[in-house]
Amino acid sequence: QVQLVESGGGLVQAGGSLRLSCVASGRTFSTNAMGWFRQAPGKEREVVAAISWSGDRTYYVDSVKGRFAISRDNAKSTVYLQMNSLKPEDTAVYYCAARSSRFAFAIDSYAYDYWGQGTQVTVSS
């Protein structure tokens, strides 16, 4: 059974930092792109960041560029999202996702086949 399990969410003041982790089990995703998405109340799910299987290609939504960093450790089957200078508008449930197609990079949610249960990030002003 494939599982993606996120951790690291919580409540933080504006300007603070959090590091999200996503551990995959049940199969390896070392040759698959992975991403972080978020969904705020009343809003559609949006991509936050994505990373290629090798880590040499990344994508960030404009609103987090320069503040967030995605990385992965294939040996640990883990993808990370370092979030700095957090703002109240970053408040959302953050989801980790993985593609089943090998090597291909994507940023659209429909291209991702495996999803975690989500972790809440709340940024207070």
PDB file of N, CA and C in Angstrom:
ATOM      1  N   GLN A   1       0.849  -1.193   0.000  1.00  0.00           N
ATOM      2  CA  GLN A   1       0.000   0.000   0.000  1.00  0.00           C
ATOM      3  C   GLN A   1       0.884   1.243   0.000  1.00  0.00           C
ATOM      4  N   VAL A   2       0.673   2.083  -1.000  1.00  0.00           N
ATOM      5  CA  VAL A   2       1.464   3.307  -1.103  1.00  0.00           C
ATOM      6  C   VAL A   2       0.931   4.350  -0.130  1.00  0.00           C
ATOM      7  N   GLN A   3       1.836   4.961   0.599  1.00  0.00           N
ATOM      8  CA  GLN A   3       1.455   6.023   1.531  1.00  0.00           C
ATOM      9  C   GLN A   3       2.425   7.181   1.440  1.00  0.00           C
ATOM     10  N   LEU A   4       1.865   8.379   1.495  1.00  0.00           N
ATOM     11  CA  LEU A   4       2.648   9.594   1.647  1.00  0.00           C
ATOM     12  C   LEU A   4       2.197  10.231   2.954  1.00  0.00           C
ATOM     13  N   VAL A   5       3.119  10.436   3.858  1.00  0.00           N
ATOM     14  CA  VAL A   5       2.763  10.952   5.179  1.00  0.00           C
ATOM     15  C   VAL A   5       3.509  12.253   5.431  1.00  0.00           C
ATOM     16  N   GLU A   6       2.719  13.335   5.564  1.00  0.00           N
ATOM     17  CA  GLU A   6       3.299  14.651   5.823  1.00  0.00           C
ATOM     18  C   GLU A   6       3.432  14.898   7.320  1.00  0.00           C
ATOM     19  N   SER A   7       4.379  15.727   7.665  1.00  0.00           N
ATOM     20  CA  SER A   7       4.542  16.172   9.049  1.00  0.00           C
ATOM     21  C   SER A   7       5.223  17.538   9.035  1.00  0.00           C
ATOM     22  N   GLY A   8       5.171  18.209  10.188  1.00  0.00           N
ATOM     23  CA  GLY A   8       5.874  19.485  10.325  1.00  0.00           C
ATOM     24  C   GLY A   8       4.981  20.705  10.316  1.00  0.00           C
ATOM     25  N   GLY A   9       3.693  20.523  10.065  1.00  0.00           N
ATOM     26  CA  GLY A   9       2.798  21.660  10.089  1.00  0.00           C
ATOM     27  C   GLY A   9       2.577  22.153  11.514  1.00  0.00           C
ATOM     28  N   GLY A  10       1.876  23.283  11.620  1.00  0.00           N
ATOM     29  CA  GLY A  10       1.594  23.826  12.937  1.00  0.00           C
ATOM     30  C   GLY A  10       1.213  25.280  12.877  1.00  0.00           C
ATOM     31  N   LEU A  11       1.224  25.915  14.041  1.00  0.00           N
ATOM     32  CA  LEU A  11       0.888  27.331  14.181  1.00  0.00           C
ATOM     33  C   LEU A  11       2.180  28.114  14.358  1.00  0.00           C
ATOM     34  N   VAL A  12       2.327  29.163  13.569  1.00  0.00           N
ATOM     35  CA  VAL A  12       3.534  29.980  13.632  1.00  0.00           C
ATOM     36  C   VAL A  12       3.149  31.438  13.405  1.00  0.00           C
ATOM     37  N   GLN A  13       3.908  32.339  13.997  1.00  0.00           N
ATOM     38  CA  GLN A  13       3.665  33.761  13.783  1.00  0.00           C
ATOM     39  C   GLN A  13       4.205  34.203  12.427  1.00  0.00           C
ATOM     40  N   ALA A  14       3.625  35.250  11.908  1.00  0.00           N
ATOM     41  CA  ALA A  14       4.108  35.810  10.646  1.00  0.00           C
ATOM     42  C   ALA A  14       5.601  36.123  10.754  1.00  0.00           C
ATOM     43  N   GLY A  15       6.331  35.781   9.710  1.00  0.00           N
ATOM     44  CA  GLY A  15       7.773  35.958   9.706  1.00  0.00           C
ATOM     45  C   GLY A  15       8.530  34.730  10.158  1.00  0.00           C
ATOM     46  N   GLY A  16       7.824  33.767  10.703  1.00  0.00           N
ATOM     47  CA  GLY A  16       8.456  32.549  11.197  1.00  0.00           C
ATOM     48  C   GLY A  16       8.703  31.537  10.100  1.00  0.00           C
ATOM     49  N   SER A  17       9.194  30.372  10.521  1.00  0.00           N
ATOM     50  CA  SER A  17       9.561  29.313   9.584  1.00  0.00           C
ATOM     51  C   SER A  17       8.987  27.974  10.023  1.00  0.00           C
ATOM     52  N   LEU A  18       8.748  27.137   9.046  1.00  0.00           N
ATOM     53  CA  LEU A  18       8.372  25.742   9.272  1.00  0.00           C
ATOM     54  C   LEU A  18       9.046  24.896   8.203  1.00  0.00           C
ATOM     55  N   ARG A  19       9.288  23.638   8.544  1.00  0.00           N
ATOM     56  CA  ARG A  19       9.812  22.695   7.570  1.00  0.00           C
ATOM     57  C   ARG A  19       8.873  21.500   7.502  1.00  0.00           C
ATOM     58  N   LEU A  20       8.267  21.325   6.340  1.00  0.00           N
ATOM     59  CA  LEU A  20       7.392  20.177   6.123  1.00  0.00           C
ATOM     60  C   LEU A  20       8.209  19.011   5.571  1.00  0.00           C
ATOM     61  N   SER A  21       7.840  17.809   5.991  1.00  0.00           N
ATOM     62  CA  SER A  21       8.452  16.596   5.478  1.00  0.00           C
ATOM     63  C   SER A  21       7.362  15.670   4.958  1.00  0.00           C
ATOM     64  N   CYS A  22       7.703  14.897   3.965  1.00  0.00           N
ATOM     65  CA  CYS A  22       6.778  13.915   3.406  1.00  0.00           C
ATOM     66  C   CYS A  22       7.562  12.634   3.163  1.00  0.00           C
ATOM     67  N   VAL A  23       7.170  11.587   3.870  1.00  0.00           N
ATOM     68  CA  VAL A  23       7.840  10.299   3.742  1.00  0.00           C
ATOM     69  C   VAL A  23       6.964   9.348   2.946  1.00  0.00           C
ATOM     70  N   ALA A  24       7.548   8.752   1.931  1.00  0.00           N
ATOM     71  CA  ALA A  24       6.830   7.807   1.077  1.00  0.00           C
ATOM     72  C   ALA A  24       7.143   6.372   1.494  1.00  0.00           C
ATOM     73  N   SER A  25       6.134   5.533   1.422  1.00  0.00           N
ATOM     74  CA  SER A  25       6.323   4.110   1.704  1.00  0.00           C
ATOM     75  C   SER A  25       5.447   3.300   0.767  1.00  0.00           C
ATOM     76  N   GLY A  26       5.768   2.034   0.624  1.00  0.00           N
ATOM     77  CA  GLY A  26       4.984   1.153  -0.229  1.00  0.00           C
ATOM     78  C   GLY A  26       5.554   1.004  -1.632  1.00  0.00           C
ATOM     79  N   ARG A  27       6.292   1.981  -2.074  1.00  0.00           N
ATOM     80  CA  ARG A  27       7.008   1.912  -3.346  1.00  0.00           C
ATOM     81  C   ARG A  27       8.023   3.053  -3.357  1.00  0.00           C
ATOM     82  N   THR A  28       8.951   2.977  -4.270  1.00  0.00           N
ATOM     83  CA  THR A  28       9.938   4.033  -4.385  1.00  0.00           C
ATOM     84  C   THR A  28       9.466   5.080  -5.382  1.00  0.00           C
ATOM     85  N   PHE A  29       9.769   6.348  -5.068  1.00  0.00           N
ATOM     86  CA  PHE A  29       9.474   7.446  -5.982  1.00  0.00           C
ATOM     87  C   PHE A  29      10.774   8.126  -6.425  1.00  0.00           C
ATOM     88  N   SER A  30      11.864   7.396  -6.361  1.00  0.00           N
ATOM     89  CA  SER A  30      13.156   7.998  -6.681  1.00  0.00           C
ATOM     90  C   SER A  30      13.278   8.406  -8.139  1.00  0.00           C
ATOM     91  N   THR A  31      12.410   7.897  -9.004  1.00  0.00           N
ATOM     92  CA  THR A  31      12.431   8.293 -10.411  1.00  0.00           C
ATOM     93  C   THR A  31      11.159   9.046 -10.804  1.00  0.00           C
ATOM     94  N   ASN A  32      10.489   9.649  -9.808  1.00  0.00           N
ATOM     95  CA  ASN A  32       9.227  10.335 -10.046  1.00  0.00           C
ATOM     96  C   ASN A  32       9.259  11.755  -9.483  1.00  0.00           C
ATOM     97  N   ALA A  33       8.650  12.672 -10.232  1.00  0.00           N
ATOM     98  CA  ALA A  33       8.503  14.028  -9.723  1.00  0.00           C
ATOM     99  C   ALA A  33       7.573  14.033  -8.509  1.00  0.00           C
ATOM    100  N   MET A  34       7.835  14.962  -7.609  1.00  0.00           N
ATOM    101  CA  MET A  34       6.987  15.123  -6.440  1.00  0.00           C
ATOM    102  C   MET A  34       6.684  16.599  -6.249  1.00  0.00           C
ATOM    103  N   GLY A  35       5.622  16.869  -5.503  1.00  0.00           N
ATOM    104  CA  GLY A  35       5.237  18.256  -5.329  1.00  0.00           C
ATOM    105  C   GLY A  35       4.534  18.505  -4.008  1.00  0.00           C
ATOM    106  N   TRP A  36       4.460  19.782  -3.688  1.00  0.00           N
ATOM    107  CA  TRP A  36       3.679  20.250  -2.546  1.00  0.00           C
ATOM    108  C   TRP A  36       2.555  21.142  -3.073  1.00  0.00           C
ATOM    109  N   PHE A  37       1.364  20.890  -2.591  1.00  0.00           N
ATOM    110  CA  PHE A  37       0.191  21.662  -2.952  1.00  0.00           C
ATOM    111  C   PHE A  37      -0.443  22.182  -1.666  1.00  0.00           C
ATOM    112  N   ARG A  38      -1.308  23.181  -1.807  1.00  0.00           N
ATOM    113  CA  ARG A  38      -2.010  23.671  -0.625  1.00  0.00           C
ATOM    114  C   ARG A  38      -3.428  24.081  -0.989  1.00  0.00           C
ATOM    115  N   GLN A  39      -4.278  24.027   0.017  1.00  0.00           N
ATOM    116  CA  GLN A  39      -5.662  24.447  -0.185  1.00  0.00           C
ATOM    117  C   GLN A  39      -6.121  25.206   1.047  1.00  0.00           C
ATOM    118  N   ALA A  40      -6.496  26.446   0.812  1.00  0.00           N
ATOM    119  CA  ALA A  40      -7.032  27.299   1.873  1.00  0.00           C
ATOM    120  C   ALA A  40      -8.556  27.207   1.847  1.00  0.00           C
ATOM    121  N   PRO A  41      -9.211  27.504   2.964  1.00  0.00           N
ATOM    122  CA  PRO A  41     -10.681  27.439   3.005  1.00  0.00           C
ATOM    123  C   PRO A  41     -11.313  28.294   1.919  1.00  0.00           C
ATOM    124  N   GLY A  42     -12.226  27.694   1.175  1.00  0.00           N
ATOM    125  CA  GLY A  42     -12.934  28.425   0.138  1.00  0.00           C
ATOM    126  C   GLY A  42     -12.148  28.644  -1.136  1.00  0.00           C
ATOM    127  N   LYS A  43     -10.957  28.084  -1.209  1.00  0.00           N
ATOM    128  CA  LYS A  43     -10.121  28.267  -2.395  1.00  0.00           C
ATOM    129  C   LYS A  43      -9.790  26.925  -3.028  1.00  0.00           C
ATOM    130  N   GLU A  44      -9.388  26.972  -4.289  1.00  0.00           N
ATOM    131  CA  GLU A  44      -8.991  25.761  -4.981  1.00  0.00           C
ATOM    132  C   GLU A  44      -7.585  25.343  -4.559  1.00  0.00           C
ATOM    133  N   ARG A  45      -7.317  24.066  -4.718  1.00  0.00           N
ATOM    134  CA  ARG A  45      -5.981  23.571  -4.434  1.00  0.00           C
ATOM    135  C   ARG A  45      -5.010  24.150  -5.455  1.00  0.00           C
ATOM    136  N   GLU A  46      -3.842  24.574  -5.000  1.00  0.00           N
ATOM    137  CA  GLU A  46      -2.848  25.140  -5.901  1.00  0.00           C
ATOM    138  C   GLU A  46      -1.491  24.500  -5.647  1.00  0.00           C
ATOM    139  N   VAL A  47      -0.697  24.458  -6.691  1.00  0.00           N
ATOM    140  CA  VAL A  47       0.664  23.973  -6.539  1.00  0.00           C
ATOM    141  C   VAL A  47       1.484  25.024  -5.800  1.00  0.00           C
ATOM    142  N   VAL A  48       2.307  24.577  -4.875  1.00  0.00           N
ATOM    143  CA  VAL A  48       3.221  25.458  -4.168  1.00  0.00           C
ATOM    144  C   VAL A  48       4.623  25.308  -4.751  1.00  0.00           C
ATOM    145  N   ALA A  49       5.055  24.062  -4.878  1.00  0.00           N
ATOM    146  CA  ALA A  49       6.390  23.775  -5.404  1.00  0.00           C
ATOM    147  C   ALA A  49       6.413  22.353  -5.937  1.00  0.00           C
ATOM    148  N   ALA A  50       7.286  22.115  -6.896  1.00  0.00           N
ATOM    149  CA  ALA A  50       7.467  20.778  -7.445  1.00  0.00           C
ATOM    150  C   ALA A  50       8.947  20.547  -7.695  1.00  0.00           C
ATOM    151  N   ILE A  51       9.337  19.278  -7.683  1.00  0.00           N
ATOM    152  CA  ILE A  51      10.744  18.940  -7.869  1.00  0.00           C
ATOM    153  C   ILE A  51      10.844  17.704  -8.756  1.00  0.00           C
ATOM    154  N   SER A  52      11.808  17.723  -9.654  1.00  0.00           N
ATOM    155  CA  SER A  52      12.012  16.588 -10.548  1.00  0.00           C
ATOM    156  C   SER A  52      12.584  15.400  -9.787  1.00  0.00           C
ATOM    157  N   TRP A  53      12.618  14.245 -10.443  1.00  0.00           N
ATOM    158  CA  TRP A  53      13.066  13.026  -9.775  1.00  0.00           C
ATOM    159  C   TRP A  53      14.508  13.159  -9.293  1.00  0.00           C
ATOM    160  N   SER A  54      15.332  13.883 -10.059  1.00  0.00           N
ATOM    161  CA  SER A  54      16.742  14.013  -9.699  1.00  0.00           C
ATOM    162  C   SER A  54      17.017  15.217  -8.810  1.00  0.00           C
ATOM    163  N   GLY A  55      16.017  16.100  -8.697  1.00  0.00           N
ATOM    164  CA  GLY A  55      16.205  17.301  -7.896  1.00  0.00           C
ATOM    165  C   GLY A  55      16.814  18.462  -8.643  1.00  0.00           C
ATOM    166  N   ASP A  56      17.122  18.278  -9.923  1.00  0.00           N
ATOM    167  CA  ASP A  56      17.808  19.347 -10.653  1.00  0.00           C
ATOM    168  C   ASP A  56      16.847  20.351 -11.278  1.00  0.00           C
ATOM    169  N   ARG A  57      15.549  20.087 -11.167  1.00  0.00           N
ATOM    170  CA  ARG A  57      14.549  21.029 -11.681  1.00  0.00           C
ATOM    171  C   ARG A  57      13.508  21.249 -10.602  1.00  0.00           C
ATOM    172  N   THR A  58      13.219  22.534 -10.370  1.00  0.00           N
ATOM    173  CA  THR A  58      12.194  22.876  -9.391  1.00  0.00           C
ATOM    174  C   THR A  58      11.272  23.946  -9.961  1.00  0.00           C
ATOM    175  N   TYR A  59      10.105  24.033  -9.375  1.00  0.00           N
ATOM    176  CA  TYR A  59       9.115  25.051  -9.744  1.00  0.00           C
ATOM    177  C   TYR A  59       8.518  25.614  -8.456  1.00  0.00           C
ATOM    178  N   TYR A  60       8.267  26.929  -8.456  1.00  0.00           N
ATOM    179  CA  TYR A  60       7.603  27.577  -7.331  1.00  0.00           C
ATOM    180  C   TYR A  60       6.515  28.505  -7.860  1.00  0.00           C
ATOM    181  N   VAL A  61       5.386  28.507  -7.200  1.00  0.00           N
ATOM    182  CA  VAL A  61       4.366  29.501  -7.511  1.00  0.00           C
ATOM    183  C   VAL A  61       4.933  30.874  -7.142  1.00  0.00           C
ATOM    184  N   ASP A  62       4.547  31.888  -7.869  1.00  0.00           N
ATOM    185  CA  ASP A  62       5.140  33.216  -7.683  1.00  0.00           C
ATOM    186  C   ASP A  62       5.057  33.709  -6.241  1.00  0.00           C
ATOM    187  N   SER A  63       3.969  33.395  -5.572  1.00  0.00           N
ATOM    188  CA  SER A  63       3.744  33.949  -4.237  1.00  0.00           C
ATOM    189  C   SER A  63       4.721  33.413  -3.179  1.00  0.00           C
ATOM    190  N   VAL A  64       5.445  32.334  -3.479  1.00  0.00           N
ATOM    191  CA  VAL A  64       6.374  31.777  -2.483  1.00  0.00           C
ATOM    192  C   VAL A  64       7.834  31.855  -2.929  1.00  0.00           C
ATOM    193  N   LYS A  65       8.073  32.345  -4.138  1.00  0.00           N
ATOM    194  CA  LYS A  65       9.453  32.428  -4.631  1.00  0.00           C
ATOM    195  C   LYS A  65      10.313  33.266  -3.701  1.00  0.00           C
ATOM    196  N   GLY A  66      11.497  32.760  -3.399  1.00  0.00           N
ATOM    197  CA  GLY A  66      12.411  33.448  -2.510  1.00  0.00           C
ATOM    198  C   GLY A  66      12.155  33.180  -1.036  1.00  0.00           C
ATOM    199  N   ARG A  67      11.038  32.532  -0.716  1.00  0.00           N
ATOM    200  CA  ARG A  67      10.708  32.241   0.684  1.00  0.00           C
ATOM    201  C   ARG A  67      10.682  30.744   0.972  1.00  0.00           C
ATOM    202  N   PHE A  68      10.243  29.946   0.007  1.00  0.00           N
ATOM    203  CA  PHE A  68      10.118  28.499   0.191  1.00  0.00           C
ATOM    204  C   PHE A  68      11.192  27.783  -0.629  1.00  0.00           C
ATOM    205  N   ALA A  69      11.574  26.599  -0.159  1.00  0.00           N
ATOM    206  CA  ALA A  69      12.532  25.777  -0.899  1.00  0.00           C
ATOM    207  C   ALA A  69      12.112  24.310  -0.790  1.00  0.00           C
ATOM    208  N   ILE A  70      12.018  23.663  -1.948  1.00  0.00           N
ATOM    209  CA  ILE A  70      11.689  22.246  -1.994  1.00  0.00           C
ATOM    210  C   ILE A  70      12.971  21.457  -2.221  1.00  0.00           C
ATOM    211  N   SER A  71      13.068  20.311  -1.578  1.00  0.00           N
ATOM    212  CA  SER A  71      14.231  19.446  -1.762  1.00  0.00           C
ATOM    213  C   SER A  71      13.789  18.003  -1.536  1.00  0.00           C
ATOM    214  N   ARG A  72      14.659  17.086  -1.889  1.00  0.00           N
ATOM    215  CA  ARG A  72      14.325  15.678  -1.696  1.00  0.00           C
ATOM    216  C   ARG A  72      15.568  14.881  -1.361  1.00  0.00           C
ATOM    217  N   ASP A  73      15.352  13.790  -0.654  1.00  0.00           N
ATOM    218  CA  ASP A  73      16.400  12.834  -0.322  1.00  0.00           C
ATOM    219  C   ASP A  73      15.871  11.470  -0.731  1.00  0.00           C
ATOM    220  N   ASN A  74      16.261  11.026  -1.904  1.00  0.00           N
ATOM    221  CA  ASN A  74      15.724   9.767  -2.436  1.00  0.00           C
ATOM    222  C   ASN A  74      16.141   8.566  -1.581  1.00  0.00           C
ATOM    223  N   ALA A  75      17.279   8.647  -0.952  1.00  0.00           N
ATOM    224  CA  ALA A  75      17.716   7.552  -0.093  1.00  0.00           C
ATOM    225  C   ALA A  75      16.795   7.366   1.113  1.00  0.00           C
ATOM    226  N   LYS A  76      16.156   8.467   1.523  1.00  0.00           N
ATOM    227  CA  LYS A  76      15.226   8.434   2.657  1.00  0.00           C
ATOM    228  C   LYS A  76      13.767   8.463   2.208  1.00  0.00           C
ATOM    229  N   SER A  77      13.539   8.445   0.901  1.00  0.00           N
ATOM    230  CA  SER A  77      12.169   8.495   0.358  1.00  0.00           C
ATOM    231  C   SER A  77      11.400   9.677   0.937  1.00  0.00           C
ATOM    232  N   THR A  78      12.060  10.808   1.012  1.00  0.00           N
ATOM    233  CA  THR A  78      11.492  11.976   1.684  1.00  0.00           C
ATOM    234  C   THR A  78      11.651  13.216   0.823  1.00  0.00           C
ATOM    235  N   VAL A  79      10.600  14.031   0.806  1.00  0.00           N
ATOM    236  CA  VAL A  79      10.644  15.335   0.172  1.00  0.00           C
ATOM    237  C   VAL A  79      10.330  16.377   1.244  1.00  0.00           C
ATOM    238  N   TYR A  80      10.996  17.512   1.134  1.00  0.00           N
ATOM    239  CA  TYR A  80      10.878  18.567   2.145  1.00  0.00           C
ATOM    240  C   TYR A  80      10.368  19.857   1.526  1.00  0.00           C
ATOM    241  N   LEU A  81       9.761  20.673   2.370  1.00  0.00           N
ATOM    242  CA  LEU A  81       9.409  22.035   1.980  1.00  0.00           C
ATOM    243  C   LEU A  81       9.816  22.953   3.129  1.00  0.00           C
ATOM    244  N   GLN A  82      10.890  23.694   2.915  1.00  0.00           N
ATOM    245  CA  GLN A  82      11.327  24.683   3.894  1.00  0.00           C
ATOM    246  C   GLN A  82      10.582  25.978   3.622  1.00  0.00           C
ATOM    247  N   MET A  83       9.879  26.465   4.623  1.00  0.00           N
ATOM    248  CA  MET A  83       9.055  27.664   4.461  1.00  0.00           C
ATOM    249  C   MET A  83       9.563  28.744   5.417  1.00  0.00           C
ATOM    250  N   ASN A  84      10.056  29.820   4.845  1.00  0.00           N
ATOM    251  CA  ASN A  84      10.569  30.946   5.623  1.00  0.00           C
ATOM    252  C   ASN A  84       9.732  32.185   5.378  1.00  0.00           C
ATOM    253  N   SER A  85       9.873  33.155   6.249  1.00  0.00           N
ATOM    254  CA  SER A  85       9.151  34.430   6.117  1.00  0.00           C
ATOM    255  C   SER A  85       7.671  34.188   5.861  1.00  0.00           C
ATOM    256  N   LEU A  86       7.085  33.349   6.653  1.00  0.00           N
ATOM    257  CA  LEU A  86       5.690  32.964   6.448  1.00  0.00           C
ATOM    258  C   LEU A  86       4.752  34.146   6.633  1.00  0.00           C
ATOM    259  N   LYS A  87       3.695  34.139   5.844  1.00  0.00           N
ATOM    260  CA  LYS A  87       2.685  35.191   5.869  1.00  0.00           C
ATOM    261  C   LYS A  87       1.324  34.581   6.197  1.00  0.00           C
ATOM    262  N   PRO A  88       0.410  35.368   6.729  1.00  0.00           N
ATOM    263  CA  PRO A  88      -0.936  34.842   7.021  1.00  0.00           C
ATOM    264  C   PRO A  88      -1.591  34.203   5.800  1.00  0.00           C
ATOM    265  N   GLU A  89      -1.302  34.727   4.614  1.00  0.00           N
ATOM    266  CA  GLU A  89      -1.909  34.162   3.397  1.00  0.00           C
ATOM    267  C   GLU A  89      -1.333  32.798   3.028  1.00  0.00           C
ATOM    268  N   ASP A  90      -0.300  32.343   3.728  1.00  0.00           N
ATOM    269  CA  ASP A  90       0.216  30.994   3.522  1.00  0.00           C
ATOM    270  C   ASP A  90      -0.600  29.959   4.299  1.00  0.00           C
ATOM    271  N   THR A  91      -1.519  30.407   5.111  1.00  0.00           N
ATOM    272  CA  THR A  91      -2.352  29.493   5.888  1.00  0.00           C
ATOM    273  C   THR A  91      -3.170  28.594   4.974  1.00  0.00           C
ATOM    274  N   ALA A  92      -3.035  27.294   5.171  1.00  0.00           N
ATOM    275  CA  ALA A  92      -3.715  26.313   4.319  1.00  0.00           C
ATOM    276  C   ALA A  92      -3.385  24.913   4.823  1.00  0.00           C
ATOM    277  N   VAL A  93      -4.063  23.944   4.250  1.00  0.00           N
ATOM    278  CA  VAL A  93      -3.649  22.546   4.408  1.00  0.00           C
ATOM    279  C   VAL A  93      -2.667  22.253   3.281  1.00  0.00           C
ATOM    280  N   TYR A  94      -1.518  21.738   3.636  1.00  0.00           N
ATOM    281  CA  TYR A  94      -0.462  21.437   2.675  1.00  0.00           C
ATOM    282  C   TYR A  94      -0.426  19.930   2.412  1.00  0.00           C
ATOM    283  N   TYR A  95      -0.411  19.588   1.129  1.00  0.00           N
ATOM    284  CA  TYR A  95      -0.419  18.200   0.695  1.00  0.00           C
ATOM    285  C   TYR A  95       0.853  17.870  -0.079  1.00  0.00           C
ATOM    286  N   CYS A  96       1.369  16.695   0.175  1.00  0.00           N
ATOM    287  CA  CYS A  96       2.469  16.134  -0.602  1.00  0.00           C
ATOM    288  C   CYS A  96       1.861  15.236  -1.678  1.00  0.00           C
ATOM    289  N   ALA A  97       2.476  15.225  -2.855  1.00  0.00           N
ATOM    290  CA  ALA A  97       1.962  14.400  -3.940  1.00  0.00           C
ATOM    291  C   ALA A  97       3.114  13.843  -4.771  1.00  0.00           C
ATOM    292  N   ALA A  98       2.847  12.715  -5.413  1.00  0.00           N
ATOM    293  CA  ALA A  98       3.858  12.067  -6.252  1.00  0.00           C
ATOM    294  C   ALA A  98       3.228  11.603  -7.553  1.00  0.00           C
ATOM    295  N   ARG A  99       4.014  11.651  -8.607  1.00  0.00           N
ATOM    296  CA  ARG A  99       3.557  11.159  -9.893  1.00  0.00           C
ATOM    297  C   ARG A  99       3.863   9.665 -10.010  1.00  0.00           C
ATOM    298  N   SER A 100       3.040   8.962 -10.771  1.00  0.00           N
ATOM    299  CA  SER A 100       3.337   7.558 -11.050  1.00  0.00           C
ATOM    300  C   SER A 100       4.192   7.419 -12.296  1.00  0.00           C
ATOM    301  N   SER A 101       4.117   8.416 -13.195  1.00  0.00           N
ATOM    302  CA  SER A 101       4.931   8.363 -14.416  1.00  0.00           C
ATOM    303  C   SER A 101       6.380   8.671 -14.079  1.00  0.00           C
ATOM    304  N   ARG A 102       7.260   7.844 -14.573  1.00  0.00           N
ATOM    305  CA  ARG A 102       8.671   8.037 -14.263  1.00  0.00           C
ATOM    306  C   ARG A 102       9.249   9.212 -15.036  1.00  0.00           C
ATOM    307  N   PHE A 103      10.127   9.961 -14.374  1.00  0.00           N
ATOM    308  CA  PHE A 103      10.964  11.005 -14.933  1.00  0.00           C
ATOM    309  C   PHE A 103      10.225  12.287 -15.324  1.00  0.00           C
ATOM    310  N   ALA A 104       8.993  12.197 -15.823  1.00  0.00           N
ATOM    311  CA  ALA A 104       8.312  13.382 -16.340  1.00  0.00           C
ATOM    312  C   ALA A 104       8.001  14.380 -15.230  1.00  0.00           C
ATOM    313  N   PHE A 105       8.248  15.656 -15.504  1.00  0.00           N
ATOM    314  CA  PHE A 105       8.011  16.746 -14.563  1.00  0.00           C
ATOM    315  C   PHE A 105       6.658  17.367 -14.826  1.00  0.00           C
ATOM    316  N   ALA A 106       5.944  17.759 -13.771  1.00  0.00           N
ATOM    317  CA  ALA A 106       4.635  18.380 -13.936  1.00  0.00           C
ATOM    318  C   ALA A 106       4.330  19.259 -12.736  1.00  0.00           C
ATOM    319  N   ILE A 107       3.448  20.254 -12.969  1.00  0.00           N
ATOM    320  CA  ILE A 107       3.030  21.125 -11.866  1.00  0.00           C
ATOM    321  C   ILE A 107       1.520  21.133 -11.674  1.00  0.00           C
ATOM    322  N   ASP A 108       0.773  20.510 -12.567  1.00  0.00           N
ATOM    323  CA  ASP A 108      -0.677  20.465 -12.441  1.00  0.00           C
ATOM    324  C   ASP A 108      -1.099  19.331 -11.521  1.00  0.00           C
ATOM    325  N   SER A 109      -2.066  19.590 -10.668  1.00  0.00           N
ATOM    326  CA  SER A 109      -2.476  18.600  -9.682  1.00  0.00           C
ATOM    327  C   SER A 109      -3.014  17.330 -10.346  1.00  0.00           C
ATOM    328  N   TYR A 110      -3.646  17.458 -11.507  1.00  0.00           N
ATOM    329  CA  TYR A 110      -4.233  16.286 -12.159  1.00  0.00           C
ATOM    330  C   TYR A 110      -3.161  15.301 -12.606  1.00  0.00           C
ATOM    331  N   ALA A 111      -1.915  15.774 -12.721  1.00  0.00           N
ATOM    332  CA  ALA A 111      -0.818  14.907 -13.160  1.00  0.00           C
ATOM    333  C   ALA A 111      -0.247  14.066 -12.026  1.00  0.00           C
ATOM    334  N   TYR A 112      -0.697  14.325 -10.807  1.00  0.00           N
ATOM    335  CA  TYR A 112      -0.177  13.600  -9.639  1.00  0.00           C
ATOM    336  C   TYR A 112      -1.169  12.530  -9.206  1.00  0.00           C
ATOM    337  N   ASP A 113      -0.631  11.358  -8.907  1.00  0.00           N
ATOM    338  CA  ASP A 113      -1.471  10.184  -8.673  1.00  0.00           C
ATOM    339  C   ASP A 113      -1.564   9.766  -7.220  1.00  0.00           C
ATOM    340  N   TYR A 114      -0.582  10.120  -6.432  1.00  0.00           N
ATOM    341  CA  TYR A 114      -0.568   9.724  -5.024  1.00  0.00           C
ATOM    342  C   TYR A 114      -0.539  10.991  -4.163  1.00  0.00           C
ATOM    343  N   TRP A 115      -1.355  10.965  -3.121  1.00  0.00           N
ATOM    344  CA  TRP A 115      -1.497  12.143  -2.265  1.00  0.00           C
ATOM    345  C   TRP A 115      -1.418  11.760  -0.797  1.00  0.00           C
ATOM    346  N   GLY A 116      -0.838  12.667  -0.009  1.00  0.00           N
ATOM    347  CA  GLY A 116      -0.856  12.494   1.435  1.00  0.00           C
ATOM    348  C   GLY A 116      -2.161  12.995   2.024  1.00  0.00           C
ATOM    349  N   GLN A 117      -2.274  12.884   3.324  1.00  0.00           N
ATOM    350  CA  GLN A 117      -3.518  13.268   3.994  1.00  0.00           C
ATOM    351  C   GLN A 117      -3.558  14.758   4.308  1.00  0.00           C
ATOM    352  N   GLY A 118      -2.426  15.410   4.204  1.00  0.00           N
ATOM    353  CA  GLY A 118      -2.375  16.848   4.435  1.00  0.00           C
ATOM    354  C   GLY A 118      -1.922  17.197   5.842  1.00  0.00           C
ATOM    355  N   THR A 119      -1.297  18.364   5.959  1.00  0.00           N
ATOM    356  CA  THR A 119      -0.894  18.887   7.268  1.00  0.00           C
ATOM    357  C   THR A 119      -1.256  20.373   7.319  1.00  0.00           C
ATOM    358  N   GLN A 120      -1.835  20.797   8.417  1.00  0.00           N
ATOM    359  CA  GLN A 120      -2.320  22.168   8.548  1.00  0.00           C
ATOM    360  C   GLN A 120      -1.167  23.107   8.885  1.00  0.00           C
ATOM    361  N   VAL A 121      -1.105  24.200   8.150  1.00  0.00           N
ATOM    362  CA  VAL A 121      -0.175  25.287   8.448  1.00  0.00           C
ATOM    363  C   VAL A 121      -1.010  26.530   8.713  1.00  0.00           C
ATOM    364  N   THR A 122      -0.830  27.114   9.880  1.00  0.00           N
ATOM    365  CA  THR A 122      -1.563  28.316  10.246  1.00  0.00           C
ATOM    366  C   THR A 122      -0.567  29.394  10.634  1.00  0.00           C
ATOM    367  N   VAL A 123      -0.659  30.535   9.957  1.00  0.00           N
ATOM    368  CA  VAL A 123       0.242  31.651  10.213  1.00  0.00           C
ATOM    369  C   VAL A 123      -0.568  32.794  10.802  1.00  0.00           C
ATOM    370  N   SER A 124      -0.239  33.185  12.004  1.00  0.00           N
ATOM    371  CA  SER A 124      -0.963  34.258  12.670  1.00  0.00           C
ATOM    372  C   SER A 124      -0.277  35.592  12.419  1.00  0.00           C
ATOM    373  N   SER A 125      -1.095  36.633  12.383  1.00  0.00           N
ATOM    374  CA  SER A 125      -0.546  37.982  12.104  1.00  0.00           C
ATOM    375  C   SER A 125      -0.144  38.691  13.387  1.00  0.00           C
TER     376      SER A 125
END
